[in-house]
Amino acid sequence: MNPPHNQLAKLTPQEEHIIIYKGTEAPFSGIYNDFFESGIYVCKQCETSLFSSESKFRSMCGWASFDDCFEGVVMQADRDGRRTEIVCKNCKGHLGHVFEGEGFTPKNTRHCVNSLSIKFIGNS
């Protein structure tokens, strides 16, 4: 589900703060932090496929965590110069950050994602 870049969803002010202006939601406040149903997660702004529920795990960090992603996720240097930011490949919307070497899963990767940046689509 990857609509053209010019067909973007209207965002709430909170979503815009995170997706467009690279903000961060408060830890443990996101609806997907403790959500574990079967399906996929897409970009809230353009519906590009980002993560599978199969890669989601409980990290206790306060944000939705995934140890793998689809090709719709792009990694780039964060403006703080210390972290690696993850963005939607299609619309460049801010998703969160990726961390490696923490030992949470065998893949040793944690995509730390703002719930306001994503939308869940359950398996039918």
PDB file of N, CA and C in Angstrom:
ATOM      1  N   MET A   1       0.837  -1.186   0.000  1.00  0.00           N
ATOM      2  CA  MET A   1       0.000   0.000   0.000  1.00  0.00           C
ATOM      3  C   MET A   1       0.877   1.243   0.000  1.00  0.00           C
ATOM      4  N   ASN A   2       1.273   1.709  -1.145  1.00  0.00           N
ATOM      5  CA  ASN A   2       2.129   2.874  -1.228  1.00  0.00           C
ATOM      6  C   ASN A   2       1.530   3.895  -2.179  1.00  0.00           C
ATOM      7  N   PRO A   3       0.642   4.776  -1.678  1.00  0.00           N
ATOM      8  CA  PRO A   3       0.026   5.770  -2.537  1.00  0.00           C
ATOM      9  C   PRO A   3       1.055   6.797  -2.997  1.00  0.00           C
ATOM     10  N   PRO A   4       0.766   7.514  -4.083  1.00  0.00           N
ATOM     11  CA  PRO A   4       1.693   8.547  -4.541  1.00  0.00           C
ATOM     12  C   PRO A   4       1.979   9.562  -3.442  1.00  0.00           C
ATOM     13  N   HIS A   5       3.178  10.137  -3.489  1.00  0.00           N
ATOM     14  CA  HIS A   5       3.637  11.083  -2.472  1.00  0.00           C
ATOM     15  C   HIS A   5       2.681  12.268  -2.303  1.00  0.00           C
ATOM     16  N   ASN A   6       1.963  12.645  -3.352  1.00  0.00           N
ATOM     17  CA  ASN A   6       1.077  13.806  -3.265  1.00  0.00           C
ATOM     18  C   ASN A   6      -0.254  13.495  -2.590  1.00  0.00           C
ATOM     19  N   GLN A   7      -0.493  12.253  -2.188  1.00  0.00           N
ATOM     20  CA  GLN A   7      -1.737  11.885  -1.511  1.00  0.00           C
ATOM     21  C   GLN A   7      -1.442  11.607  -0.031  1.00  0.00           C
ATOM     22  N   LEU A   8      -1.145  12.657   0.704  1.00  0.00           N
ATOM     23  CA  LEU A   8      -0.792  12.504   2.105  1.00  0.00           C
ATOM     24  C   LEU A   8      -2.000  12.739   3.001  1.00  0.00           C
ATOM     25  N   ALA A   9      -2.051  12.005   4.096  1.00  0.00           N
ATOM     26  CA  ALA A   9      -3.135  12.157   5.057  1.00  0.00           C
ATOM     27  C   ALA A   9      -3.022  13.491   5.779  1.00  0.00           C
ATOM     28  N   LYS A  10      -4.154  14.040   6.172  1.00  0.00           N
ATOM     29  CA  LYS A  10      -4.155  15.243   7.000  1.00  0.00           C
ATOM     30  C   LYS A  10      -3.749  14.822   8.404  1.00  0.00           C
ATOM     31  N   LEU A  11      -2.787  15.527   8.961  1.00  0.00           N
ATOM     32  CA  LEU A  11      -2.256  15.174  10.279  1.00  0.00           C
ATOM     33  C   LEU A  11      -2.811  16.082  11.362  1.00  0.00           C
ATOM     34  N   THR A  12      -2.944  15.542  12.568  1.00  0.00           N
ATOM     35  CA  THR A  12      -3.298  16.365  13.721  1.00  0.00           C
ATOM     36  C   THR A  12      -2.067  17.205  14.084  1.00  0.00           C
ATOM     37  N   PRO A  13      -2.223  18.249  14.879  1.00  0.00           N
ATOM     38  CA  PRO A  13      -1.051  19.028  15.302  1.00  0.00           C
ATOM     39  C   PRO A  13       0.013  18.172  16.009  1.00  0.00           C
ATOM     40  N   GLN A  14      -0.406  17.197  16.823  1.00  0.00           N
ATOM     41  CA  GLN A  14       0.548  16.318  17.510  1.00  0.00           C
ATOM     42  C   GLN A  14       1.298  15.439  16.511  1.00  0.00           C
ATOM     43  N   GLU A  15       0.575  14.870  15.549  1.00  0.00           N
ATOM     44  CA  GLU A  15       1.209  14.036  14.521  1.00  0.00           C
ATOM     45  C   GLU A  15       2.179  14.867  13.684  1.00  0.00           C
ATOM     46  N   GLU A  16       1.776  16.065  13.320  1.00  0.00           N
ATOM     47  CA  GLU A  16       2.635  16.951  12.537  1.00  0.00           C
ATOM     48  C   GLU A  16       3.921  17.282  13.307  1.00  0.00           C
ATOM     49  N   HIS A  17       3.806  17.535  14.611  1.00  0.00           N
ATOM     50  CA  HIS A  17       4.971  17.830  15.444  1.00  0.00           C
ATOM     51  C   HIS A  17       5.998  16.695  15.361  1.00  0.00           C
ATOM     52  N   ILE A  18       5.523  15.462  15.368  1.00  0.00           N
ATOM     53  CA  ILE A  18       6.420  14.307  15.342  1.00  0.00           C
ATOM     54  C   ILE A  18       6.863  13.959  13.924  1.00  0.00           C
ATOM     55  N   ILE A  19       5.926  13.824  13.002  1.00  0.00           N
ATOM     56  CA  ILE A  19       6.238  13.348  11.652  1.00  0.00           C
ATOM     57  C   ILE A  19       6.974  14.393  10.817  1.00  0.00           C
ATOM     58  N   ILE A  20       6.544  15.624  10.853  1.00  0.00           N
ATOM     59  CA  ILE A  20       7.142  16.673  10.022  1.00  0.00           C
ATOM     60  C   ILE A  20       8.316  17.359  10.723  1.00  0.00           C
ATOM     61  N   TYR A  21       8.132  17.697  12.000  1.00  0.00           N
ATOM     62  CA  TYR A  21       9.146  18.464  12.728  1.00  0.00           C
ATOM     63  C   TYR A  21      10.042  17.608  13.615  1.00  0.00           C
ATOM     64  N   LYS A  22       9.958  16.286  13.454  1.00  0.00           N
ATOM     65  CA  LYS A  22      10.852  15.330  14.117  1.00  0.00           C
ATOM     66  C   LYS A  22      10.801  15.372  15.641  1.00  0.00           C
ATOM     67  N   GLY A  23       9.602  15.508  16.165  1.00  0.00           N
ATOM     68  CA  GLY A  23       9.412  15.484  17.608  1.00  0.00           C
ATOM     69  C   GLY A  23       9.388  14.061  18.129  1.00  0.00           C
ATOM     70  N   THR A  24       9.154  13.938  19.426  1.00  0.00           N
ATOM     71  CA  THR A  24       9.065  12.626  20.076  1.00  0.00           C
ATOM     72  C   THR A  24       7.901  12.647  21.055  1.00  0.00           C
ATOM     73  N   GLU A  25       7.091  11.592  21.024  1.00  0.00           N
ATOM     74  CA  GLU A  25       6.010  11.510  22.002  1.00  0.00           C
ATOM     75  C   GLU A  25       6.576  11.065  23.344  1.00  0.00           C
ATOM     76  N   ALA A  26       5.856  11.363  24.395  1.00  0.00           N
ATOM     77  CA  ALA A  26       6.303  10.990  25.744  1.00  0.00           C
ATOM     78  C   ALA A  26       6.386   9.471  25.861  1.00  0.00           C
ATOM     79  N   PRO A  27       7.392   8.948  26.576  1.00  0.00           N
ATOM     80  CA  PRO A  27       7.498   7.499  26.751  1.00  0.00           C
ATOM     81  C   PRO A  27       6.257   6.925  27.430  1.00  0.00           C
ATOM     82  N   PHE A  28       5.892   5.727  27.005  1.00  0.00           N
ATOM     83  CA  PHE A  28       4.758   4.968  27.536  1.00  0.00           C
ATOM     84  C   PHE A  28       3.404   5.627  27.260  1.00  0.00           C
ATOM     85  N   SER A  29       3.360   6.607  26.356  1.00  0.00           N
ATOM     86  CA  SER A  29       2.095   7.278  26.035  1.00  0.00           C
ATOM     87  C   SER A  29       1.477   6.798  24.728  1.00  0.00           C
ATOM     88  N   GLY A  30       2.239   6.134  23.886  1.00  0.00           N
ATOM     89  CA  GLY A  30       1.761   5.731  22.567  1.00  0.00           C
ATOM     90  C   GLY A  30       0.849   4.522  22.602  1.00  0.00           C
ATOM     91  N   ILE A  31      -0.135   4.505  21.718  1.00  0.00           N
ATOM     92  CA  ILE A  31      -1.113   3.412  21.696  1.00  0.00           C
ATOM     93  C   ILE A  31      -0.499   2.075  21.275  1.00  0.00           C
ATOM     94  N   TYR A  32       0.644   2.101  20.586  1.00  0.00           N
ATOM     95  CA  TYR A  32       1.250   0.847  20.127  1.00  0.00           C
ATOM     96  C   TYR A  32       2.366   0.340  21.033  1.00  0.00           C
ATOM     97  N   ASN A  33       2.644   1.020  22.116  1.00  0.00           N
ATOM     98  CA  ASN A  33       3.688   0.583  23.033  1.00  0.00           C
ATOM     99  C   ASN A  33       3.420  -0.830  23.551  1.00  0.00           C
ATOM    100  N   ASP A  34       2.216  -1.101  24.021  1.00  0.00           N
ATOM    101  CA  ASP A  34       1.841  -2.413  24.559  1.00  0.00           C
ATOM    102  C   ASP A  34       0.802  -3.104  23.700  1.00  0.00           C
ATOM    103  N   PHE A  35       0.862  -2.917  22.403  1.00  0.00           N
ATOM    104  CA  PHE A  35      -0.104  -3.457  21.448  1.00  0.00           C
ATOM    105  C   PHE A  35       0.573  -4.572  20.661  1.00  0.00           C
ATOM    106  N   PHE A  36      -0.031  -5.770  20.648  1.00  0.00           N
ATOM    107  CA  PHE A  36       0.617  -6.917  20.010  1.00  0.00           C
ATOM    108  C   PHE A  36      -0.345  -7.769  19.189  1.00  0.00           C
ATOM    109  N   GLU A  37      -1.139  -7.155  18.340  1.00  0.00           N
ATOM    110  CA  GLU A  37      -2.016  -7.911  17.440  1.00  0.00           C
ATOM    111  C   GLU A  37      -1.281  -8.206  16.142  1.00  0.00           C
ATOM    112  N   SER A  38      -1.815  -9.155  15.372  1.00  0.00           N
ATOM    113  CA  SER A  38      -1.187  -9.588  14.126  1.00  0.00           C
ATOM    114  C   SER A  38      -1.587  -8.675  12.961  1.00  0.00           C
ATOM    115  N   GLY A  39      -0.584  -8.198  12.225  1.00  0.00           N
ATOM    116  CA  GLY A  39      -0.833  -7.332  11.076  1.00  0.00           C
ATOM    117  C   GLY A  39       0.424  -6.581  10.685  1.00  0.00           C
ATOM    118  N   ILE A  40       0.232  -5.432  10.035  1.00  0.00           N
ATOM    119  CA  ILE A  40       1.372  -4.611   9.645  1.00  0.00           C
ATOM    120  C   ILE A  40       1.167  -3.168  10.120  1.00  0.00           C
ATOM    121  N   TYR A  41       2.252  -2.455  10.189  1.00  0.00           N
ATOM    122  CA  TYR A  41       2.240  -1.043  10.560  1.00  0.00           C
ATOM    123  C   TYR A  41       2.661  -0.248   9.339  1.00  0.00           C
ATOM    124  N   VAL A  42       1.888   0.780   9.037  1.00  0.00           N
ATOM    125  CA  VAL A  42       2.161   1.627   7.879  1.00  0.00           C
ATOM    126  C   VAL A  42       2.395   3.055   8.347  1.00  0.00           C
ATOM    127  N   CYS A  43       2.959   3.862   7.466  1.00  0.00           N
ATOM    128  CA  CYS A  43       3.184   5.271   7.762  1.00  0.00           C
ATOM    129  C   CYS A  43       1.849   5.975   7.938  1.00  0.00           C
ATOM    130  N   LYS A  44       1.708   6.736   8.998  1.00  0.00           N
ATOM    131  CA  LYS A  44       0.468   7.472   9.276  1.00  0.00           C
ATOM    132  C   LYS A  44       0.181   8.494   8.179  1.00  0.00           C
ATOM    133  N   GLN A  45       1.226   9.031   7.564  1.00  0.00           N
ATOM    134  CA  GLN A  45       1.053  10.103   6.583  1.00  0.00           C
ATOM    135  C   GLN A  45       0.769   9.590   5.170  1.00  0.00           C
ATOM    136  N   CYS A  46       1.425   8.493   4.752  1.00  0.00           N
ATOM    137  CA  CYS A  46       1.268   8.066   3.353  1.00  0.00           C
ATOM    138  C   CYS A  46       0.911   6.594   3.173  1.00  0.00           C
ATOM    139  N   GLU A  47       0.828   5.834   4.259  1.00  0.00           N
ATOM    140  CA  GLU A  47       0.459   4.423   4.273  1.00  0.00           C
ATOM    141  C   GLU A  47       1.473   3.488   3.619  1.00  0.00           C
ATOM    142  N   THR A  48       2.721   3.900   3.543  1.00  0.00           N
ATOM    143  CA  THR A  48       3.783   2.993   3.092  1.00  0.00           C
ATOM    144  C   THR A  48       3.980   1.923   4.162  1.00  0.00           C
ATOM    145  N   SER A  49       4.119   0.669   3.741  1.00  0.00           N
ATOM    146  CA  SER A  49       4.345  -0.438   4.674  1.00  0.00           C
ATOM    147  C   SER A  49       5.708  -0.286   5.340  1.00  0.00           C
ATOM    148  N   LEU A  50       5.737  -0.389   6.681  1.00  0.00           N
ATOM    149  CA  LEU A  50       6.963  -0.144   7.436  1.00  0.00           C
ATOM    150  C   LEU A  50       7.439  -1.340   8.258  1.00  0.00           C
ATOM    151  N   PHE A  51       6.524  -1.935   9.038  1.00  0.00           N
ATOM    152  CA  PHE A  51       6.905  -2.991   9.979  1.00  0.00           C
ATOM    153  C   PHE A  51       5.838  -4.084  10.024  1.00  0.00           C
ATOM    154  N   SER A  52       6.263  -5.308  10.289  1.00  0.00           N
ATOM    155  CA  SER A  52       5.358  -6.424  10.527  1.00  0.00           C
ATOM    156  C   SER A  52       5.187  -6.612  12.023  1.00  0.00           C
ATOM    157  N   SER A  53       4.013  -7.057  12.420  1.00  0.00           N
ATOM    158  CA  SER A  53       3.792  -7.362  13.837  1.00  0.00           C
ATOM    159  C   SER A  53       4.717  -8.485  14.297  1.00  0.00           C
ATOM    160  N   GLU A  54       5.188  -9.313  13.366  1.00  0.00           N
ATOM    161  CA  GLU A  54       6.089 -10.414  13.712  1.00  0.00           C
ATOM    162  C   GLU A  54       7.446  -9.909  14.205  1.00  0.00           C
ATOM    163  N   SER A  55       7.811  -8.677  13.849  1.00  0.00           N
ATOM    164  CA  SER A  55       9.101  -8.130  14.283  1.00  0.00           C
ATOM    165  C   SER A  55       8.971  -7.253  15.527  1.00  0.00           C
ATOM    166  N   LYS A  56       7.738  -7.104  16.034  1.00  0.00           N
ATOM    167  CA  LYS A  56       7.503  -6.250  17.200  1.00  0.00           C
ATOM    168  C   LYS A  56       7.842  -7.033  18.475  1.00  0.00           C
ATOM    169  N   PHE A  57       8.465  -6.348  19.414  1.00  0.00           N
ATOM    170  CA  PHE A  57       8.807  -6.996  20.684  1.00  0.00           C
ATOM    171  C   PHE A  57       8.665  -6.009  21.838  1.00  0.00           C
ATOM    172  N   ARG A  58       8.576  -6.565  23.037  1.00  0.00           N
ATOM    173  CA  ARG A  58       8.409  -5.769  24.259  1.00  0.00           C
ATOM    174  C   ARG A  58       9.795  -5.374  24.770  1.00  0.00           C
ATOM    175  N   SER A  59      10.148  -4.093  24.597  1.00  0.00           N
ATOM    176  CA  SER A  59      11.483  -3.628  25.011  1.00  0.00           C
ATOM    177  C   SER A  59      11.461  -2.889  26.344  1.00  0.00           C
ATOM    178  N   MET A  60      10.296  -2.480  26.793  1.00  0.00           N
ATOM    179  CA  MET A  60      10.131  -1.717  28.034  1.00  0.00           C
ATOM    180  C   MET A  60      10.827  -0.355  27.977  1.00  0.00           C
ATOM    181  N   CYS A  61      11.044   0.170  26.768  1.00  0.00           N
ATOM    182  CA  CYS A  61      11.701   1.471  26.621  1.00  0.00           C
ATOM    183  C   CYS A  61      10.694   2.616  26.568  1.00  0.00           C
ATOM    184  N   GLY A  62       9.411   2.284  26.365  1.00  0.00           N
ATOM    185  CA  GLY A  62       8.384   3.320  26.335  1.00  0.00           C
ATOM    186  C   GLY A  62       7.850   3.643  24.960  1.00  0.00           C
ATOM    187  N   TRP A  63       8.426   3.025  23.921  1.00  0.00           N
ATOM    188  CA  TRP A  63       7.957   3.241  22.552  1.00  0.00           C
ATOM    189  C   TRP A  63       7.805   1.884  21.871  1.00  0.00           C
ATOM    190  N   ALA A  64       7.015   1.840  20.810  1.00  0.00           N
ATOM    191  CA  ALA A  64       6.872   0.615  20.027  1.00  0.00           C
ATOM    192  C   ALA A  64       8.248   0.220  19.505  1.00  0.00           C
ATOM    193  N   SER A  65       8.589  -1.063  19.617  1.00  0.00           N
ATOM    194  CA  SER A  65       9.915  -1.539  19.211  1.00  0.00           C
ATOM    195  C   SER A  65       9.800  -2.697  18.235  1.00  0.00           C
ATOM    196  N   PHE A  66      10.609  -2.638  17.187  1.00  0.00           N
ATOM    197  CA  PHE A  66      10.647  -3.656  16.144  1.00  0.00           C
ATOM    198  C   PHE A  66      12.111  -4.018  15.887  1.00  0.00           C
ATOM    199  N   ASP A  67      12.391  -5.313  15.669  1.00  0.00           N
ATOM    200  CA  ASP A  67      13.782  -5.681  15.395  1.00  0.00           C
ATOM    201  C   ASP A  67      14.066  -5.850  13.906  1.00  0.00           C
ATOM    202  N   ASP A  68      13.072  -5.522  13.067  1.00  0.00           N
ATOM    203  CA  ASP A  68      13.258  -5.583  11.618  1.00  0.00           C
ATOM    204  C   ASP A  68      12.258  -4.629  10.972  1.00  0.00           C
ATOM    205  N   CYS A  69      12.509  -4.284   9.722  1.00  0.00           N
ATOM    206  CA  CYS A  69      11.612  -3.361   9.022  1.00  0.00           C
ATOM    207  C   CYS A  69      11.488  -3.765   7.562  1.00  0.00           C
ATOM    208  N   PHE A  70      10.490  -3.202   6.900  1.00  0.00           N
ATOM    209  CA  PHE A  70      10.330  -3.378   5.464  1.00  0.00           C
ATOM    210  C   PHE A  70      11.200  -2.351   4.740  1.00  0.00           C
ATOM    211  N   GLU A  71      11.253  -2.445   3.417  1.00  0.00           N
ATOM    212  CA  GLU A  71      12.046  -1.511   2.612  1.00  0.00           C
ATOM    213  C   GLU A  71      11.512  -0.081   2.661  1.00  0.00           C
ATOM    214  N   GLY A  72      10.343   0.119   3.258  1.00  0.00           N
ATOM    215  CA  GLY A  72       9.762   1.451   3.364  1.00  0.00           C
ATOM    216  C   GLY A  72      10.421   2.322   4.427  1.00  0.00           C
ATOM    217  N   VAL A  73      11.333   1.732   5.216  1.00  0.00           N
ATOM    218  CA  VAL A  73      12.034   2.462   6.270  1.00  0.00           C
ATOM    219  C   VAL A  73      13.455   2.778   5.801  1.00  0.00           C
ATOM    220  N   VAL A  74      13.846   4.037   5.948  1.00  0.00           N
ATOM    221  CA  VAL A  74      15.189   4.482   5.567  1.00  0.00           C
ATOM    222  C   VAL A  74      15.901   4.995   6.818  1.00  0.00           C
ATOM    223  N   MET A  75      17.172   4.665   6.928  1.00  0.00           N
ATOM    224  CA  MET A  75      17.993   5.132   8.045  1.00  0.00           C
ATOM    225  C   MET A  75      18.879   6.276   7.565  1.00  0.00           C
ATOM    226  N   GLN A  76      19.022   7.294   8.425  1.00  0.00           N
ATOM    227  CA  GLN A  76      19.890   8.424   8.108  1.00  0.00           C
ATOM    228  C   GLN A  76      20.434   9.014   9.403  1.00  0.00           C
ATOM    229  N   ALA A  77      21.512   9.743   9.285  1.00  0.00           N
ATOM    230  CA  ALA A  77      22.094  10.381  10.474  1.00  0.00           C
ATOM    231  C   ALA A  77      21.092  11.378  11.040  1.00  0.00           C
ATOM    232  N   ASP A  78      20.923  11.351  12.355  1.00  0.00           N
ATOM    233  CA  ASP A  78      20.039  12.300  13.025  1.00  0.00           C
ATOM    234  C   ASP A  78      20.732  13.657  13.100  1.00  0.00           C
ATOM    235  N   ARG A  79      19.942  14.703  13.184  1.00  0.00           N
ATOM    236  CA  ARG A  79      20.524  16.048  13.251  1.00  0.00           C
ATOM    237  C   ARG A  79      21.340  16.270  14.524  1.00  0.00           C
ATOM    238  N   ASP A  80      21.163  15.407  15.552  1.00  0.00           N
ATOM    239  CA  ASP A  80      21.967  15.550  16.771  1.00  0.00           C
ATOM    240  C   ASP A  80      23.378  14.979  16.594  1.00  0.00           C
ATOM    241  N   GLY A  81      23.615  14.275  15.492  1.00  0.00           N
ATOM    242  CA  GLY A  81      24.931  13.741  15.198  1.00  0.00           C
ATOM    243  C   GLY A  81      25.319  12.500  15.976  1.00  0.00           C
ATOM    244  N   ARG A  82      24.439  12.012  16.858  1.00  0.00           N
ATOM    245  CA  ARG A  82      24.748  10.845  17.692  1.00  0.00           C
ATOM    246  C   ARG A  82      23.909   9.622  17.358  1.00  0.00           C
ATOM    247  N   ARG A  83      22.686   9.853  16.941  1.00  0.00           N
ATOM    248  CA  ARG A  83      21.765   8.739  16.718  1.00  0.00           C
ATOM    249  C   ARG A  83      21.502   8.537  15.232  1.00  0.00           C
ATOM    250  N   THR A  84      20.825   7.416  14.930  1.00  0.00           N
ATOM    251  CA  THR A  84      20.389   7.133  13.573  1.00  0.00           C
ATOM    252  C   THR A  84      18.877   7.276  13.531  1.00  0.00           C
ATOM    253  N   GLU A  85      18.402   8.193  12.732  1.00  0.00           N
ATOM    254  CA  GLU A  85      16.968   8.443  12.575  1.00  0.00           C
ATOM    255  C   GLU A  85      16.396   7.463  11.566  1.00  0.00           C
ATOM    256  N   ILE A  86      15.133   7.079  11.758  1.00  0.00           N
ATOM    257  CA  ILE A  86      14.426   6.296  10.751  1.00  0.00           C
ATOM    258  C   ILE A  86      13.272   7.141  10.228  1.00  0.00           C
ATOM    259  N   VAL A  87      13.122   7.126   8.896  1.00  0.00           N
ATOM    260  CA  VAL A  87      12.079   7.893   8.220  1.00  0.00           C
ATOM    261  C   VAL A  87      11.395   7.013   7.191  1.00  0.00           C
ATOM    262  N   CYS A  88      10.203   7.423   6.784  1.00  0.00           N
ATOM    263  CA  CYS A  88       9.468   6.747   5.723  1.00  0.00           C
ATOM    264  C   CYS A  88      10.164   7.032   4.389  1.00  0.00           C
ATOM    265  N   LYS A  89      10.429   5.999   3.634  1.00  0.00           N
ATOM    266  CA  LYS A  89      11.099   6.127   2.340  1.00  0.00           C
ATOM    267  C   LYS A  89      10.277   6.957   1.361  1.00  0.00           C
ATOM    268  N   ASN A  90       8.964   6.850   1.441  1.00  0.00           N
ATOM    269  CA  ASN A  90       8.080   7.520   0.487  1.00  0.00           C
ATOM    270  C   ASN A  90       7.900   9.006   0.783  1.00  0.00           C
ATOM    271  N   CYS A  91       7.511   9.347   2.003  1.00  0.00           N
ATOM    272  CA  CYS A  91       7.169  10.740   2.323  1.00  0.00           C
ATOM    273  C   CYS A  91       8.207  11.438   3.199  1.00  0.00           C
ATOM    274  N   LYS A  92       9.214  10.699   3.648  1.00  0.00           N
ATOM    275  CA  LYS A  92      10.293  11.224   4.509  1.00  0.00           C
ATOM    276  C   LYS A  92       9.813  11.602   5.907  1.00  0.00           C
ATOM    277  N   GLY A  93       8.640  11.109   6.316  1.00  0.00           N
ATOM    278  CA  GLY A  93       8.113  11.375   7.646  1.00  0.00           C
ATOM    279  C   GLY A  93       8.960  10.727   8.729  1.00  0.00           C
ATOM    280  N   HIS A  94       9.191  11.443   9.821  1.00  0.00           N
ATOM    281  CA  HIS A  94       9.981  10.949  10.953  1.00  0.00           C
ATOM    282  C   HIS A  94       9.224   9.840  11.680  1.00  0.00           C
ATOM    283  N   LEU A  95       9.902   8.726  11.902  1.00  0.00           N
ATOM    284  CA  LEU A  95       9.316   7.594  12.615  1.00  0.00           C
ATOM    285  C   LEU A  95       9.891   7.452  14.025  1.00  0.00           C
ATOM    286  N   GLY A  96      11.185   7.648  14.151  1.00  0.00           N
ATOM    287  CA  GLY A  96      11.870   7.470  15.428  1.00  0.00           C
ATOM    288  C   GLY A  96      13.349   7.287  15.193  1.00  0.00           C
ATOM    289  N   HIS A  97      13.952   6.324  15.914  1.00  0.00           N
ATOM    290  CA  HIS A  97      15.382   6.065  15.811  1.00  0.00           C
ATOM    291  C   HIS A  97      15.638   4.567  15.845  1.00  0.00           C
ATOM    292  N   VAL A  98      16.795   4.151  15.363  1.00  0.00           N
ATOM    293  CA  VAL A  98      17.190   2.748  15.415  1.00  0.00           C
ATOM    294  C   VAL A  98      18.447   2.638  16.270  1.00  0.00           C
ATOM    295  N   PHE A  99      18.479   1.591  17.098  1.00  0.00           N
ATOM    296  CA  PHE A  99      19.602   1.345  17.995  1.00  0.00           C
ATOM    297  C   PHE A  99      20.072  -0.089  17.790  1.00  0.00           C
ATOM    298  N   GLU A 100      21.364  -0.300  17.838  1.00  0.00           N
ATOM    299  CA  GLU A 100      21.932  -1.637  17.662  1.00  0.00           C
ATOM    300  C   GLU A 100      22.815  -1.981  18.853  1.00  0.00           C
ATOM    301  N   GLY A 101      22.959  -3.278  19.084  1.00  0.00           N
ATOM    302  CA  GLY A 101      23.871  -3.741  20.122  1.00  0.00           C
ATOM    303  C   GLY A 101      23.311  -3.755  21.530  1.00  0.00           C
ATOM    304  N   GLU A 102      22.003  -3.682  21.676  1.00  0.00           N
ATOM    305  CA  GLU A 102      21.403  -3.663  23.012  1.00  0.00           C
ATOM    306  C   GLU A 102      21.068  -5.059  23.544  1.00  0.00           C
ATOM    307  N   GLY A 103      21.009  -6.046  22.654  1.00  0.00           N
ATOM    308  CA  GLY A 103      20.782  -7.424  23.073  1.00  0.00           C
ATOM    309  C   GLY A 103      19.342  -7.805  23.374  1.00  0.00           C
ATOM    310  N   PHE A 104      18.376  -7.011  22.950  1.00  0.00           N
ATOM    311  CA  PHE A 104      16.967  -7.343  23.213  1.00  0.00           C
ATOM    312  C   PHE A 104      16.500  -8.574  22.433  1.00  0.00           C
ATOM    313  N   THR A 105      16.976  -8.724  21.194  1.00  0.00           N
ATOM    314  CA  THR A 105      16.561  -9.835  20.332  1.00  0.00           C
ATOM    315  C   THR A 105      17.802 -10.410  19.640  1.00  0.00           C
ATOM    316  N   PRO A 106      17.686 -11.586  19.040  1.00  0.00           N
ATOM    317  CA  PRO A 106      18.829 -12.143  18.304  1.00  0.00           C
ATOM    318  C   PRO A 106      19.318 -11.227  17.167  1.00  0.00           C
ATOM    319  N   LYS A 107      18.430 -10.399  16.613  1.00  0.00           N
ATOM    320  CA  LYS A 107      18.838  -9.479  15.550  1.00  0.00           C
ATOM    321  C   LYS A 107      19.594  -8.276  16.105  1.00  0.00           C
ATOM    322  N   ASN A 108      19.522  -8.075  17.425  1.00  0.00           N
ATOM    323  CA  ASN A 108      20.287  -7.044  18.124  1.00  0.00           C
ATOM    324  C   ASN A 108      20.012  -5.630  17.596  1.00  0.00           C
ATOM    325  N   THR A 109      18.779  -5.420  17.134  1.00  0.00           N
ATOM    326  CA  THR A 109      18.362  -4.133  16.573  1.00  0.00           C
ATOM    327  C   THR A 109      17.032  -3.736  17.186  1.00  0.00           C
ATOM    328  N   ARG A 110      16.901  -2.449  17.486  1.00  0.00           N
ATOM    329  CA  ARG A 110      15.627  -1.929  18.010  1.00  0.00           C
ATOM    330  C   ARG A 110      15.250  -0.678  17.243  1.00  0.00           C
ATOM    331  N   HIS A 111      14.198  -0.795  16.426  1.00  0.00           N
ATOM    332  CA  HIS A 111      13.601   0.370  15.782  1.00  0.00           C
ATOM    333  C   HIS A 111      12.620   0.936  16.802  1.00  0.00           C
ATOM    334  N   CYS A 112      12.942   2.068  17.354  1.00  0.00           N
ATOM    335  CA  CYS A 112      12.164   2.717  18.411  1.00  0.00           C
ATOM    336  C   CYS A 112      11.242   3.737  17.738  1.00  0.00           C
ATOM    337  N   VAL A 113       9.927   3.447  17.723  1.00  0.00           N
ATOM    338  CA  VAL A 113       9.001   4.158  16.854  1.00  0.00           C
ATOM    339  C   VAL A 113       7.912   4.885  17.639  1.00  0.00           C
ATOM    340  N   ASN A 114       7.660   6.126  17.267  1.00  0.00           N
ATOM    341  CA  ASN A 114       6.560   6.903  17.825  1.00  0.00           C
ATOM    342  C   ASN A 114       5.234   6.324  17.323  1.00  0.00           C
ATOM    343  N   SER A 115       4.320   6.022  18.220  1.00  0.00           N
ATOM    344  CA  SER A 115       3.012   5.503  17.809  1.00  0.00           C
ATOM    345  C   SER A 115       2.261   6.479  16.905  1.00  0.00           C
ATOM    346  N   LEU A 116       2.462   7.770  17.119  1.00  0.00           N
ATOM    347  CA  LEU A 116       1.769   8.764  16.298  1.00  0.00           C
ATOM    348  C   LEU A 116       2.287   8.817  14.864  1.00  0.00           C
ATOM    349  N   SER A 117       3.396   8.146  14.569  1.00  0.00           N
ATOM    350  CA  SER A 117       3.948   8.119  13.217  1.00  0.00           C
ATOM    351  C   SER A 117       3.418   6.958  12.388  1.00  0.00           C
ATOM    352  N   ILE A 118       2.760   6.008  13.047  1.00  0.00           N
ATOM    353  CA  ILE A 118       2.348   4.786  12.356  1.00  0.00           C
ATOM    354  C   ILE A 118       0.860   4.492  12.546  1.00  0.00           C
ATOM    355  N   LYS A 119       0.371   3.598  11.695  1.00  0.00           N
ATOM    356  CA  LYS A 119      -1.021   3.134  11.776  1.00  0.00           C
ATOM    357  C   LYS A 119      -1.004   1.625  11.607  1.00  0.00           C
ATOM    358  N   PHE A 120      -1.785   0.923  12.409  1.00  0.00           N
ATOM    359  CA  PHE A 120      -1.847  -0.536  12.367  1.00  0.00           C
ATOM    360  C   PHE A 120      -2.953  -0.982  11.435  1.00  0.00           C
ATOM    361  N   ILE A 121      -2.632  -2.001  10.629  1.00  0.00           N
ATOM    362  CA  ILE A 121      -3.626  -2.656   9.772  1.00  0.00           C
ATOM    363  C   ILE A 121      -3.609  -4.130  10.123  1.00  0.00           C
ATOM    364  N   GLY A 122      -4.683  -4.612  10.737  1.00  0.00           N
ATOM    365  CA  GLY A 122      -4.754  -5.993  11.185  1.00  0.00           C
ATOM    366  C   GLY A 122      -4.960  -6.981  10.065  1.00  0.00           C
ATOM    367  N   ASN A 123      -4.552  -8.231  10.298  1.00  0.00           N
ATOM    368  CA  ASN A 123      -4.803  -9.303   9.350  1.00  0.00           C
ATOM    369  C   ASN A 123      -6.295  -9.628   9.363  1.00  0.00           C
ATOM    370  N   SER A 124      -6.853  -9.789   8.218  1.00  0.00           N
ATOM    371  CA  SER A 124      -8.297 -10.087   8.130  1.00  0.00           C
ATOM    372  C   SER A 124      -8.586 -11.544   8.347  1.00  0.00           C
TER     373      SER A 124
END
